[in-house]
Amino acid sequence: MSTKTKEYIAMGLIFGLALISYLGKTMWAWQPIALSTGVSLALSGVVLLSLVYILVLTIKGKLVGRRTVFVYVGIAVSIPSFMSLEQKITPSPEVIQQLESFQALTPGSKVLMAFDYDPGSAPELQPMAVAVLRFCFENDLKPIIVGLWPQGPQQAEMALSVVLAEDSIAAKNLQRGVDYSNLGFQSGNEFVIQRMGSDFKSMFPSNYQGTPYDDIPLVRNIKNFSNVDYGFNLSAGYPGTREWVQLAGDRFGLNLGAGNTAVQAPEMYVYVNAGQLSGLLGGMTGAAEFETLLEKPGKGTKFMLAQSFAHMVVIAFILIGNV
């Protein structure tokens, strides 16, 4: 059997397993698989021993191919999703500041949330969105959602569907337009923020569902940023946090916090240090730290375990490669 044939068979098996898993979840309501702590540790031990074995083979001059490295990275990313292991996560000062900023808001406060990212950045930012929306609803804060990225409001709707389905939140019987609102996307980048400083309605004449601005109880009395109590931006690039700080924050005085991708976050710490941002969630780590502070682990915490395993495997192969 040729190598190419083996690769096709492997891809077919992977596709088949993915299809069965998807159908099981959507049609047959399969419950997520969760391995016990003992099984999780045993699997980790097997992977570690196999890496030692590869090291021994390498020392003997029997090198493994790059496909083997790909398989190990794939295992490191996927298997932790089923494990019951807990990783110690220590919140950073910026994340603690962000939570304290939210906690300082009184019930009924209006929180402007800007979803400025697309599905490509969702693994890092979507857990933040879910955690922040959950906090808002649990503490009777009123999120008002906008997006300067076309797919931002769609990401917001996905996060809302997750949070509103939770038993404790569903029991509140929250109403769209009264307890929260998604005003949708508007093109124009910085111009949108600048115009909102004078008149929200001019930029968002209707919401995501097409309801006229004046028919939405939550926002009908909001003229500009002075009628909003806090702003939180989820950003993957331009336009994003920098533009919200420079215009909504510096020019119009809106108190702001932010959640950024790991690539963008280092550029935002200067705004935190200058007091222009009241807090910052940086990348998947920031999402996991925020969930830890709330004592409600979510996908951020789960993904961090997979990321840590992947980093360890990559480091192991770097060492093996140097040997």
C-alpha atoms as a PDB file:
ATOM      1  CA  MET A   1       0.000   0.000   0.000  1.00  0.00           C
ATOM      2  CA  SER A   2       1.458   3.361  -1.057  1.00  0.00           C
ATOM      3  CA  THR A   3       2.007   6.266   1.317  1.00  0.00           C
ATOM      4  CA  LYS A   4      -0.553   8.386  -0.548  1.00  0.00           C
ATOM      5  CA  THR A   5      -3.182   5.646  -0.170  1.00  0.00           C
ATOM      6  CA  LYS A   6      -2.520   5.473   3.562  1.00  0.00           C
ATOM      7  CA  GLU A   7      -2.942   9.244   3.806  1.00  0.00           C
ATOM      8  CA  TYR A   8      -6.282   9.068   1.975  1.00  0.00           C
ATOM      9  CA  ILE A   9      -7.476   6.311   4.318  1.00  0.00           C
ATOM     10  CA  ALA A  10      -6.418   8.333   7.375  1.00  0.00           C
ATOM     11  CA  MET A  11      -8.214  11.440   6.092  1.00  0.00           C
ATOM     12  CA  GLY A  12     -11.309   9.354   5.352  1.00  0.00           C
ATOM     13  CA  LEU A  13     -11.330   7.946   8.885  1.00  0.00           C
ATOM     14  CA  ILE A  14     -10.917  11.410  10.401  1.00  0.00           C
ATOM     15  CA  PHE A  15     -13.733  12.806   8.249  1.00  0.00           C
ATOM     16  CA  GLY A  16     -15.957   9.848   9.130  1.00  0.00           C
ATOM     17  CA  LEU A  17     -15.382  10.241  12.863  1.00  0.00           C
ATOM     18  CA  ALA A  18     -16.055  14.003  12.632  1.00  0.00           C
ATOM     19  CA  LEU A  19     -19.294  13.374  10.722  1.00  0.00           C
ATOM     20  CA  ILE A  20     -20.478  10.751  13.215  1.00  0.00           C
ATOM     21  CA  SER A  21     -19.668  13.080  16.098  1.00  0.00           C
ATOM     22  CA  TYR A  22     -21.568  15.962  14.481  1.00  0.00           C
ATOM     23  CA  LEU A  23     -24.636  13.850  13.704  1.00  0.00           C
ATOM     24  CA  GLY A  24     -24.551  12.399  17.205  1.00  0.00           C
ATOM     25  CA  LYS A  25     -24.584  15.863  18.747  1.00  0.00           C
ATOM     26  CA  THR A  26     -27.250  17.392  16.472  1.00  0.00           C
ATOM     27  CA  MET A  27     -29.595  14.465  15.774  1.00  0.00           C
ATOM     28  CA  TRP A  28     -29.136  12.059  18.656  1.00  0.00           C
ATOM     29  CA  ALA A  29     -28.278  14.515  21.441  1.00  0.00           C
ATOM     30  CA  TRP A  30     -25.062  12.785  22.452  1.00  0.00           C
ATOM     31  CA  GLN A  31     -23.530  14.182  25.613  1.00  0.00           C
ATOM     32  CA  PRO A  32     -19.946  15.521  25.475  1.00  0.00           C
ATOM     33  CA  ILE A  33     -17.302  12.914  26.293  1.00  0.00           C
ATOM     34  CA  ALA A  34     -15.459  13.638  29.540  1.00  0.00           C
ATOM     35  CA  LEU A  35     -12.529  11.445  30.543  1.00  0.00           C
ATOM     36  CA  SER A  36     -11.903  10.918  34.247  1.00  0.00           C
ATOM     37  CA  THR A  37      -8.827  12.399  35.914  1.00  0.00           C
ATOM     38  CA  GLY A  38      -7.186   8.973  36.109  1.00  0.00           C
ATOM     39  CA  VAL A  39      -7.729   8.242  32.413  1.00  0.00           C
ATOM     40  CA  SER A  40      -6.563  11.770  31.526  1.00  0.00           C
ATOM     41  CA  LEU A  41      -3.319  11.298  33.469  1.00  0.00           C
ATOM     42  CA  ALA A  42      -2.815   7.868  31.922  1.00  0.00           C
ATOM     43  CA  LEU A  43      -3.204   9.297  28.400  1.00  0.00           C
ATOM     44  CA  SER A  44      -0.756  12.080  29.230  1.00  0.00           C
ATOM     45  CA  GLY A  45       1.706   9.468  30.465  1.00  0.00           C
ATOM     46  CA  VAL A  46       1.360   7.433  27.260  1.00  0.00           C
ATOM     47  CA  VAL A  47       2.052  10.518  25.122  1.00  0.00           C
ATOM     48  CA  LEU A  48       5.072  11.396  27.285  1.00  0.00           C
ATOM     49  CA  LEU A  49       6.511   7.869  27.044  1.00  0.00           C
ATOM     50  CA  SER A  50       6.017   7.848  23.275  1.00  0.00           C
ATOM     51  CA  LEU A  51       7.949  11.125  23.018  1.00  0.00           C
ATOM     52  CA  VAL A  52      10.765   9.563  25.060  1.00  0.00           C
ATOM     53  CA  TYR A  53      10.702   6.618  22.644  1.00  0.00           C
ATOM     54  CA  ILE A  54      10.992   9.007  19.677  1.00  0.00           C
ATOM     55  CA  LEU A  55      13.942  10.675  21.435  1.00  0.00           C
ATOM     56  CA  VAL A  56      15.645   7.288  21.792  1.00  0.00           C
ATOM     57  CA  LEU A  57      15.030   6.523  18.097  1.00  0.00           C
ATOM     58  CA  THR A  58      16.460   9.913  17.178  1.00  0.00           C
ATOM     59  CA  ILE A  59      19.619   9.269  19.212  1.00  0.00           C
ATOM     60  CA  LYS A  60      19.995   5.984  17.331  1.00  0.00           C
ATOM     61  CA  GLY A  61      19.718   7.840  14.023  1.00  0.00           C
ATOM     62  CA  LYS A  62      16.209   6.625  13.183  1.00  0.00           C
ATOM     63  CA  LEU A  63      14.450   9.897  12.466  1.00  0.00           C
ATOM     64  CA  VAL A  64      10.661  10.266  12.370  1.00  0.00           C
ATOM     65  CA  GLY A  65       8.916  12.111   9.543  1.00  0.00           C
ATOM     66  CA  ARG A  66       7.192  15.463   9.776  1.00  0.00           C
ATOM     67  CA  ARG A  67       3.783  13.783   9.530  1.00  0.00           C
ATOM     68  CA  THR A  68       4.475  12.255  12.935  1.00  0.00           C
ATOM     69  CA  VAL A  69       5.002  15.740  14.356  1.00  0.00           C
ATOM     70  CA  PHE A  70       1.682  16.857  12.822  1.00  0.00           C
ATOM     71  CA  VAL A  71      -0.110  13.892  14.390  1.00  0.00           C
ATOM     72  CA  TYR A  72       1.295  14.691  17.832  1.00  0.00           C
ATOM     73  CA  VAL A  73       0.300  18.362  17.576  1.00  0.00           C
ATOM     74  CA  GLY A  74      -3.171  17.262  16.509  1.00  0.00           C
ATOM     75  CA  ILE A  75      -3.404  14.950  19.517  1.00  0.00           C
ATOM     76  CA  ALA A  76      -2.143  17.690  21.855  1.00  0.00           C
ATOM     77  CA  VAL A  77      -4.810  20.116  20.629  1.00  0.00           C
ATOM     78  CA  SER A  78      -7.774  17.722  20.548  1.00  0.00           C
ATOM     79  CA  ILE A  79      -7.380  15.235  23.425  1.00  0.00           C
ATOM     80  CA  PRO A  80      -7.284  17.868  26.242  1.00  0.00           C
ATOM     81  CA  SER A  81     -10.800  18.898  25.198  1.00  0.00           C
ATOM     82  CA  PHE A  82     -12.033  15.602  26.646  1.00  0.00           C
ATOM     83  CA  MET A  83      -9.862  15.614  29.773  1.00  0.00           C
ATOM     84  CA  SER A  84     -10.930  16.448  33.308  1.00  0.00           C
ATOM     85  CA  LEU A  85      -7.590  17.937  34.316  1.00  0.00           C
ATOM     86  CA  GLU A  86      -7.447  21.360  35.940  1.00  0.00           C
ATOM     87  CA  GLN A  87      -4.740  23.874  35.127  1.00  0.00           C
ATOM     88  CA  LYS A  88      -3.762  26.508  37.666  1.00  0.00           C
ATOM     89  CA  ILE A  89      -4.582  29.940  36.261  1.00  0.00           C
ATOM     90  CA  THR A  90      -3.423  33.091  38.057  1.00  0.00           C
ATOM     91  CA  PRO A  91      -5.310  36.242  36.977  1.00  0.00           C
ATOM     92  CA  SER A  92      -3.163  39.172  35.883  1.00  0.00           C
ATOM     93  CA  PRO A  93      -3.609  42.720  37.305  1.00  0.00           C
ATOM     94  CA  GLU A  94      -5.202  43.949  34.050  1.00  0.00           C
ATOM     95  CA  VAL A  95      -7.876  41.246  34.169  1.00  0.00           C
ATOM     96  CA  ILE A  96      -8.558  41.947  37.851  1.00  0.00           C
ATOM     97  CA  GLN A  97      -8.942  45.657  36.998  1.00  0.00           C
ATOM     98  CA  GLN A  98     -11.403  44.759  34.260  1.00  0.00           C
ATOM     99  CA  LEU A  99     -13.586  42.751  36.630  1.00  0.00           C
ATOM    100  CA  GLU A 100     -13.466  45.527  39.229  1.00  0.00           C
ATOM    101  CA  SER A 101     -14.624  47.993  36.559  1.00  0.00           C
ATOM    102  CA  PHE A 102     -17.641  45.823  35.803  1.00  0.00           C
ATOM    103  CA  GLN A 103     -18.361  45.315  39.500  1.00  0.00           C
ATOM    104  CA  ALA A 104     -18.372  49.085  40.054  1.00  0.00           C
ATOM    105  CA  LEU A 105     -21.419  49.422  37.782  1.00  0.00           C
ATOM    106  CA  THR A 106     -24.804  49.603  39.454  1.00  0.00           C
ATOM    107  CA  PRO A 107     -27.804  47.464  38.352  1.00  0.00           C
ATOM    108  CA  GLY A 108     -29.491  48.991  35.332  1.00  0.00           C
ATOM    109  CA  SER A 109     -26.259  50.482  33.951  1.00  0.00           C
ATOM    110  CA  LYS A 110     -25.986  50.536  30.168  1.00  0.00           C
ATOM    111  CA  VAL A 111     -22.885  48.792  28.789  1.00  0.00           C
ATOM    112  CA  LEU A 112     -21.948  49.495  25.176  1.00  0.00           C
ATOM    113  CA  MET A 113     -20.288  46.364  23.743  1.00  0.00           C
ATOM    114  CA  ALA A 114     -18.488  46.633  20.398  1.00  0.00           C
ATOM    115  CA  PHE A 115     -17.923  43.294  18.658  1.00  0.00           C
ATOM    116  CA  ASP A 116     -15.065  44.065  16.276  1.00  0.00           C
ATOM    117  CA  TYR A 117     -13.928  40.625  15.150  1.00  0.00           C
ATOM    118  CA  ASP A 118     -14.883  37.762  12.853  1.00  0.00           C
ATOM    119  CA  PRO A 119     -14.949  33.937  13.125  1.00  0.00           C
ATOM    120  CA  GLY A 120     -11.198  33.744  12.565  1.00  0.00           C
ATOM    121  CA  SER A 121     -10.583  35.330  15.971  1.00  0.00           C
ATOM    122  CA  ALA A 122     -13.538  33.691  17.724  1.00  0.00           C
ATOM    123  CA  PRO A 123     -11.488  31.021  19.589  1.00  0.00           C
ATOM    124  CA  GLU A 124      -9.836  33.828  21.579  1.00  0.00           C
ATOM    125  CA  LEU A 125     -12.601  36.419  21.786  1.00  0.00           C
ATOM    126  CA  GLN A 126     -15.836  34.433  21.856  1.00  0.00           C
ATOM    127  CA  PRO A 127     -15.182  33.010  25.367  1.00  0.00           C
ATOM    128  CA  MET A 128     -14.676  36.606  26.562  1.00  0.00           C
ATOM    129  CA  ALA A 129     -17.946  37.669  24.945  1.00  0.00           C
ATOM    130  CA  VAL A 130     -19.857  34.847  26.617  1.00  0.00           C
ATOM    131  CA  ALA A 131     -18.307  35.532  30.034  1.00  0.00           C
ATOM    132  CA  VAL A 132     -18.940  39.301  29.873  1.00  0.00           C
ATOM    133  CA  LEU A 133     -22.540  38.913  28.677  1.00  0.00           C
ATOM    134  CA  ARG A 134     -23.189  36.373  31.435  1.00  0.00           C
ATOM    135  CA  PHE A 135     -21.795  38.790  34.019  1.00  0.00           C
ATOM    136  CA  CYS A 136     -23.981  41.600  32.652  1.00  0.00           C
ATOM    137  CA  PHE A 137     -27.170  39.552  32.829  1.00  0.00           C
ATOM    138  CA  GLU A 138     -26.384  38.122  36.272  1.00  0.00           C
ATOM    139  CA  ASN A 139     -25.829  41.631  37.627  1.00  0.00           C
ATOM    140  CA  ASP A 140     -28.737  43.294  35.823  1.00  0.00           C
ATOM    141  CA  LEU A 141     -26.545  45.332  33.482  1.00  0.00           C
ATOM    142  CA  LYS A 142     -27.957  46.281  30.070  1.00  0.00           C
ATOM    143  CA  PRO A 143     -25.635  45.397  27.142  1.00  0.00           C
ATOM    144  CA  ILE A 144     -26.048  47.414  23.947  1.00  0.00           C
ATOM    145  CA  ILE A 145     -24.209  45.727  21.095  1.00  0.00           C
ATOM    146  CA  VAL A 146     -22.711  47.339  17.997  1.00  0.00           C
ATOM    147  CA  GLY A 147     -20.181  46.150  15.429  1.00  0.00           C
ATOM    148  CA  LEU A 148     -17.654  47.885  13.193  1.00  0.00           C
ATOM    149  CA  TRP A 149     -16.821  44.524  11.610  1.00  0.00           C
ATOM    150  CA  PRO A 150     -19.509  42.973   9.361  1.00  0.00           C
ATOM    151  CA  GLN A 151     -19.603  39.654  11.220  1.00  0.00           C
ATOM    152  CA  GLY A 152     -19.312  41.146  14.702  1.00  0.00           C
ATOM    153  CA  PRO A 153     -23.075  41.308  15.400  1.00  0.00           C
ATOM    154  CA  GLN A 154     -23.391  37.683  14.238  1.00  0.00           C
ATOM    155  CA  GLN A 155     -20.753  36.674  16.762  1.00  0.00           C
ATOM    156  CA  ALA A 156     -22.734  38.602  19.365  1.00  0.00           C
ATOM    157  CA  GLU A 157     -25.907  36.690  18.496  1.00  0.00           C
ATOM    158  CA  MET A 158     -24.040  33.403  18.904  1.00  0.00           C
ATOM    159  CA  ALA A 159     -22.772  34.476  22.327  1.00  0.00           C
ATOM    160  CA  LEU A 160     -26.250  35.637  23.336  1.00  0.00           C
ATOM    161  CA  SER A 161     -27.777  32.305  22.340  1.00  0.00           C
ATOM    162  CA  VAL A 162     -25.317  30.479  24.594  1.00  0.00           C
ATOM    163  CA  VAL A 163     -25.830  32.716  27.629  1.00  0.00           C
ATOM    164  CA  LEU A 164     -29.612  33.075  27.323  1.00  0.00           C
ATOM    165  CA  ALA A 165     -29.966  29.280  27.192  1.00  0.00           C
ATOM    166  CA  GLU A 166     -28.404  28.854  30.652  1.00  0.00           C
ATOM    167  CA  ASP A 167     -30.967  27.996  33.311  1.00  0.00           C
ATOM    168  CA  SER A 168     -30.086  30.824  35.709  1.00  0.00           C
ATOM    169  CA  ILE A 169     -30.273  33.412  32.905  1.00  0.00           C
ATOM    170  CA  ALA A 170     -33.361  31.934  31.247  1.00  0.00           C
ATOM    171  CA  ALA A 171     -35.175  32.187  34.596  1.00  0.00           C
ATOM    172  CA  LYS A 172     -34.816  35.986  34.426  1.00  0.00           C
ATOM    173  CA  ASN A 173     -37.005  36.036  31.293  1.00  0.00           C
ATOM    174  CA  LEU A 174     -34.902  38.757  29.664  1.00  0.00           C
ATOM    175  CA  GLN A 175     -36.460  40.646  26.770  1.00  0.00           C
ATOM    176  CA  ARG A 176     -34.700  41.831  23.637  1.00  0.00           C
ATOM    177  CA  GLY A 177     -34.926  45.581  23.329  1.00  0.00           C
ATOM    178  CA  VAL A 178     -35.554  46.019  27.048  1.00  0.00           C
ATOM    179  CA  ASP A 179     -32.734  44.139  28.798  1.00  0.00           C
ATOM    180  CA  TYR A 180     -30.325  43.978  25.851  1.00  0.00           C
ATOM    181  CA  SER A 181     -30.138  45.105  22.244  1.00  0.00           C
ATOM    182  CA  ASN A 182     -28.038  44.316  19.187  1.00  0.00           C
ATOM    183  CA  LEU A 183     -27.909  47.401  16.960  1.00  0.00           C
ATOM    184  CA  GLY A 184     -25.976  45.541  14.271  1.00  0.00           C
ATOM    185  CA  PHE A 185     -23.115  46.535  11.942  1.00  0.00           C
ATOM    186  CA  GLN A 186     -22.282  49.897  10.473  1.00  0.00           C
ATOM    187  CA  SER A 187     -19.470  50.591   8.010  1.00  0.00           C
ATOM    188  CA  GLY A 188     -17.241  53.625   8.292  1.00  0.00           C
ATOM    189  CA  ASN A 189     -14.616  52.627  10.847  1.00  0.00           C
ATOM    190  CA  GLU A 190     -13.594  55.655  12.995  1.00  0.00           C
ATOM    191  CA  PHE A 191     -16.299  57.817  11.450  1.00  0.00           C
ATOM    192  CA  VAL A 192     -18.964  55.634  13.069  1.00  0.00           C
ATOM    193  CA  ILE A 193     -17.462  56.163  16.543  1.00  0.00           C
ATOM    194  CA  GLN A 194     -17.082  59.892  15.930  1.00  0.00           C
ATOM    195  CA  ARG A 195     -20.686  60.216  14.740  1.00  0.00           C
ATOM    196  CA  MET A 196     -21.954  58.192  17.715  1.00  0.00           C
ATOM    197  CA  GLY A 197     -20.411  60.875  19.908  1.00  0.00           C
ATOM    198  CA  SER A 198     -23.136  63.164  18.613  1.00  0.00           C
ATOM    199  CA  ASP A 199     -26.000  60.860  17.689  1.00  0.00           C
ATOM    200  CA  PHE A 200     -26.282  57.059  18.002  1.00  0.00           C
ATOM    201  CA  LYS A 201     -29.462  56.979  15.941  1.00  0.00           C
ATOM    202  CA  SER A 202     -27.802  58.505  12.877  1.00  0.00           C
ATOM    203  CA  MET A 203     -25.471  55.506  12.671  1.00  0.00           C
ATOM    204  CA  PHE A 204     -27.928  52.825  13.790  1.00  0.00           C
ATOM    205  CA  PRO A 205     -31.423  53.832  12.617  1.00  0.00           C
ATOM    206  CA  SER A 206     -32.612  50.274  13.287  1.00  0.00           C
ATOM    207  CA  ASN A 207     -31.343  47.235  15.160  1.00  0.00           C
ATOM    208  CA  TYR A 208     -30.032  43.855  13.950  1.00  0.00           C
ATOM    209  CA  GLN A 209     -33.612  42.596  13.457  1.00  0.00           C
ATOM    210  CA  GLY A 210     -34.731  45.755  11.636  1.00  0.00           C
ATOM    211  CA  THR A 211     -36.673  47.374  14.493  1.00  0.00           C
ATOM    212  CA  PRO A 212     -36.559  51.207  14.274  1.00  0.00           C
ATOM    213  CA  TYR A 213     -34.303  52.862  16.853  1.00  0.00           C
ATOM    214  CA  ASP A 214     -37.112  54.810  18.506  1.00  0.00           C
ATOM    215  CA  ASP A 215     -39.133  51.610  18.979  1.00  0.00           C
ATOM    216  CA  ILE A 216     -36.410  50.021  21.138  1.00  0.00           C
ATOM    217  CA  PRO A 217     -37.081  50.910  24.802  1.00  0.00           C
ATOM    218  CA  LEU A 218     -33.478  50.332  25.906  1.00  0.00           C
ATOM    219  CA  VAL A 219     -31.933  52.838  23.503  1.00  0.00           C
ATOM    220  CA  ARG A 220     -34.661  55.304  22.542  1.00  0.00           C
ATOM    221  CA  ASN A 221     -33.418  57.778  25.166  1.00  0.00           C
ATOM    222  CA  ILE A 222     -29.742  57.321  24.337  1.00  0.00           C
ATOM    223  CA  LYS A 223     -28.463  60.288  22.364  1.00  0.00           C
ATOM    224  CA  ASN A 224     -24.681  59.833  22.587  1.00  0.00           C
ATOM    225  CA  PHE A 225     -21.885  58.416  24.759  1.00  0.00           C
ATOM    226  CA  SER A 226     -22.919  60.584  27.717  1.00  0.00           C
ATOM    227  CA  ASN A 227     -26.006  58.361  28.100  1.00  0.00           C
ATOM    228  CA  VAL A 228     -23.906  55.168  28.345  1.00  0.00           C
ATOM    229  CA  ASP A 229     -22.307  54.084  31.628  1.00  0.00           C
ATOM    230  CA  TYR A 230     -19.470  51.909  30.307  1.00  0.00           C
ATOM    231  CA  GLY A 231     -17.930  50.636  27.084  1.00  0.00           C
ATOM    232  CA  PHE A 232     -16.268  47.308  26.347  1.00  0.00           C
ATOM    233  CA  ASN A 233     -14.583  46.526  23.034  1.00  0.00           C
ATOM    234  CA  LEU A 234     -13.778  43.045  21.738  1.00  0.00           C
ATOM    235  CA  SER A 235     -11.154  43.612  19.083  1.00  0.00           C
ATOM    236  CA  ALA A 236      -9.100  41.606  16.594  1.00  0.00           C
ATOM    237  CA  GLY A 237      -7.525  44.521  14.752  1.00  0.00           C
ATOM    238  CA  TYR A 238      -8.628  47.594  12.821  1.00  0.00           C
ATOM    239  CA  PRO A 239     -10.995  49.197  13.554  1.00  0.00           C
ATOM    240  CA  GLY A 240     -10.847  48.209  17.188  1.00  0.00           C
ATOM    241  CA  THR A 241      -9.658  49.168  20.638  1.00  0.00           C
ATOM    242  CA  ARG A 242      -7.185  51.849  19.548  1.00  0.00           C
ATOM    243  CA  GLU A 243      -9.908  53.740  17.659  1.00  0.00           C
ATOM    244  CA  TRP A 244     -12.418  53.374  20.518  1.00  0.00           C
ATOM    245  CA  VAL A 245      -9.844  54.727  22.984  1.00  0.00           C
ATOM    246  CA  GLN A 246      -8.839  57.665  20.804  1.00  0.00           C
ATOM    247  CA  LEU A 247     -12.383  58.747  19.971  1.00  0.00           C
ATOM    248  CA  ALA A 248     -14.984  57.352  22.384  1.00  0.00           C
ATOM    249  CA  GLY A 249     -12.601  57.466  25.345  1.00  0.00           C
ATOM    250  CA  ASP A 250     -10.294  60.451  24.892  1.00  0.00           C
ATOM    251  CA  ARG A 251     -12.625  62.696  22.912  1.00  0.00           C
ATOM    252  CA  PHE A 252     -16.018  61.890  24.390  1.00  0.00           C
ATOM    253  CA  GLY A 253     -15.029  60.641  27.857  1.00  0.00           C
ATOM    254  CA  LEU A 254     -16.488  57.114  27.735  1.00  0.00           C
ATOM    255  CA  ASN A 255     -15.013  54.813  30.380  1.00  0.00           C
ATOM    256  CA  LEU A 256     -13.624  51.826  28.461  1.00  0.00           C
ATOM    257  CA  GLY A 257     -12.367  48.279  28.924  1.00  0.00           C
ATOM    258  CA  ALA A 258     -11.263  45.850  26.247  1.00  0.00           C
ATOM    259  CA  GLY A 259     -10.629  42.282  25.225  1.00  0.00           C
ATOM    260  CA  ASN A 260      -8.052  41.695  22.489  1.00  0.00           C
ATOM    261  CA  THR A 261      -6.425  38.855  20.613  1.00  0.00           C
ATOM    262  CA  ALA A 262      -3.024  37.797  21.948  1.00  0.00           C
ATOM    263  CA  VAL A 263      -1.305  39.424  18.949  1.00  0.00           C
ATOM    264  CA  GLN A 264      -2.958  42.801  19.533  1.00  0.00           C
ATOM    265  CA  ALA A 265      -2.962  42.853  23.337  1.00  0.00           C
ATOM    266  CA  PRO A 266       0.705  43.954  23.849  1.00  0.00           C
ATOM    267  CA  GLU A 267      -0.041  47.190  21.973  1.00  0.00           C
ATOM    268  CA  MET A 268      -2.950  47.930  24.333  1.00  0.00           C
ATOM    269  CA  TYR A 269      -1.086  47.737  27.655  1.00  0.00           C
ATOM    270  CA  VAL A 270       0.147  51.298  27.165  1.00  0.00           C
ATOM    271  CA  TYR A 271      -3.479  52.474  27.282  1.00  0.00           C
ATOM    272  CA  VAL A 272      -4.046  50.508  30.491  1.00  0.00           C
ATOM    273  CA  ASN A 273      -0.943  52.038  32.079  1.00  0.00           C
ATOM    274  CA  ALA A 274      -2.076  55.516  31.009  1.00  0.00           C
ATOM    275  CA  GLY A 275      -5.538  54.996  32.500  1.00  0.00           C
ATOM    276  CA  GLN A 276      -7.241  55.193  29.095  1.00  0.00           C
ATOM    277  CA  LEU A 277      -8.426  51.598  29.511  1.00  0.00           C
ATOM    278  CA  SER A 278      -9.797  50.489  32.861  1.00  0.00           C
ATOM    279  CA  GLY A 279      -8.854  46.866  32.205  1.00  0.00           C
ATOM    280  CA  LEU A 280      -7.751  44.414  29.533  1.00  0.00           C
ATOM    281  CA  LEU A 281      -8.372  40.763  28.686  1.00  0.00           C
ATOM    282  CA  GLY A 282      -5.497  39.558  26.510  1.00  0.00           C
ATOM    283  CA  GLY A 283      -6.046  36.553  24.268  1.00  0.00           C
ATOM    284  CA  MET A 284      -7.214  33.148  25.355  1.00  0.00           C
ATOM    285  CA  THR A 285      -5.221  33.572  28.560  1.00  0.00           C
ATOM    286  CA  GLY A 286      -7.219  36.679  29.434  1.00  0.00           C
ATOM    287  CA  ALA A 287     -10.490  34.844  28.799  1.00  0.00           C
ATOM    288  CA  ALA A 288      -9.415  31.978  31.065  1.00  0.00           C
ATOM    289  CA  GLU A 289      -8.276  34.388  33.793  1.00  0.00           C
ATOM    290  CA  PHE A 290     -11.604  36.239  33.665  1.00  0.00           C
ATOM    291  CA  GLU A 291     -13.505  32.949  33.945  1.00  0.00           C
ATOM    292  CA  THR A 292     -11.309  31.993  36.900  1.00  0.00           C
ATOM    293  CA  LEU A 293     -12.149  35.235  38.716  1.00  0.00           C
ATOM    294  CA  LEU A 294     -15.849  34.605  38.112  1.00  0.00           C
ATOM    295  CA  GLU A 295     -15.409  30.981  39.266  1.00  0.00           C
ATOM    296  CA  LYS A 296     -17.220  29.824  36.134  1.00  0.00           C
ATOM    297  CA  PRO A 297     -14.840  27.908  33.847  1.00  0.00           C
ATOM    298  CA  GLY A 298     -15.791  28.051  30.195  1.00  0.00           C
ATOM    299  CA  LYS A 299     -14.222  27.497  26.820  1.00  0.00           C
ATOM    300  CA  GLY A 300     -11.375  29.883  27.606  1.00  0.00           C
ATOM    301  CA  THR A 301     -10.249  27.669  30.475  1.00  0.00           C
ATOM    302  CA  LYS A 302     -10.752  24.527  28.387  1.00  0.00           C
ATOM    303  CA  PHE A 303      -8.839  25.892  25.415  1.00  0.00           C
ATOM    304  CA  MET A 304      -5.954  26.974  27.646  1.00  0.00           C
ATOM    305  CA  LEU A 305      -5.339  23.341  28.604  1.00  0.00           C
ATOM    306  CA  ALA A 306      -5.164  22.366  24.934  1.00  0.00           C
ATOM    307  CA  GLN A 307      -2.865  25.297  24.193  1.00  0.00           C
ATOM    308  CA  SER A 308      -0.533  24.313  27.046  1.00  0.00           C
ATOM    309  CA  PHE A 309      -0.371  20.710  25.827  1.00  0.00           C
ATOM    310  CA  ALA A 310       0.366  21.870  22.274  1.00  0.00           C
ATOM    311  CA  HIS A 311       3.164  24.150  23.502  1.00  0.00           C
ATOM    312  CA  MET A 312       4.731  21.292  25.479  1.00  0.00           C
ATOM    313  CA  VAL A 313       4.630  18.962  22.461  1.00  0.00           C
ATOM    314  CA  VAL A 314       6.192  21.601  20.208  1.00  0.00           C
ATOM    315  CA  ILE A 315       8.954  22.255  22.777  1.00  0.00           C
ATOM    316  CA  ALA A 316       9.553  18.504  23.074  1.00  0.00           C
ATOM    317  CA  PHE A 317      10.031  18.156  19.309  1.00  0.00           C
ATOM    318  CA  ILE A 318      12.325  21.206  19.248  1.00  0.00           C
ATOM    319  CA  LEU A 319      14.514  19.456  21.820  1.00  0.00           C
ATOM    320  CA  ILE A 320      14.336  16.156  19.912  1.00  0.00           C
ATOM    321  CA  GLY A 321      15.188  17.944  16.675  1.00  0.00           C
ATOM    322  CA  ASN A 322      18.248  19.548  18.220  1.00  0.00           C
ATOM    323  CA  VAL A 323      19.369  16.162  19.544  1.00  0.00           C
END
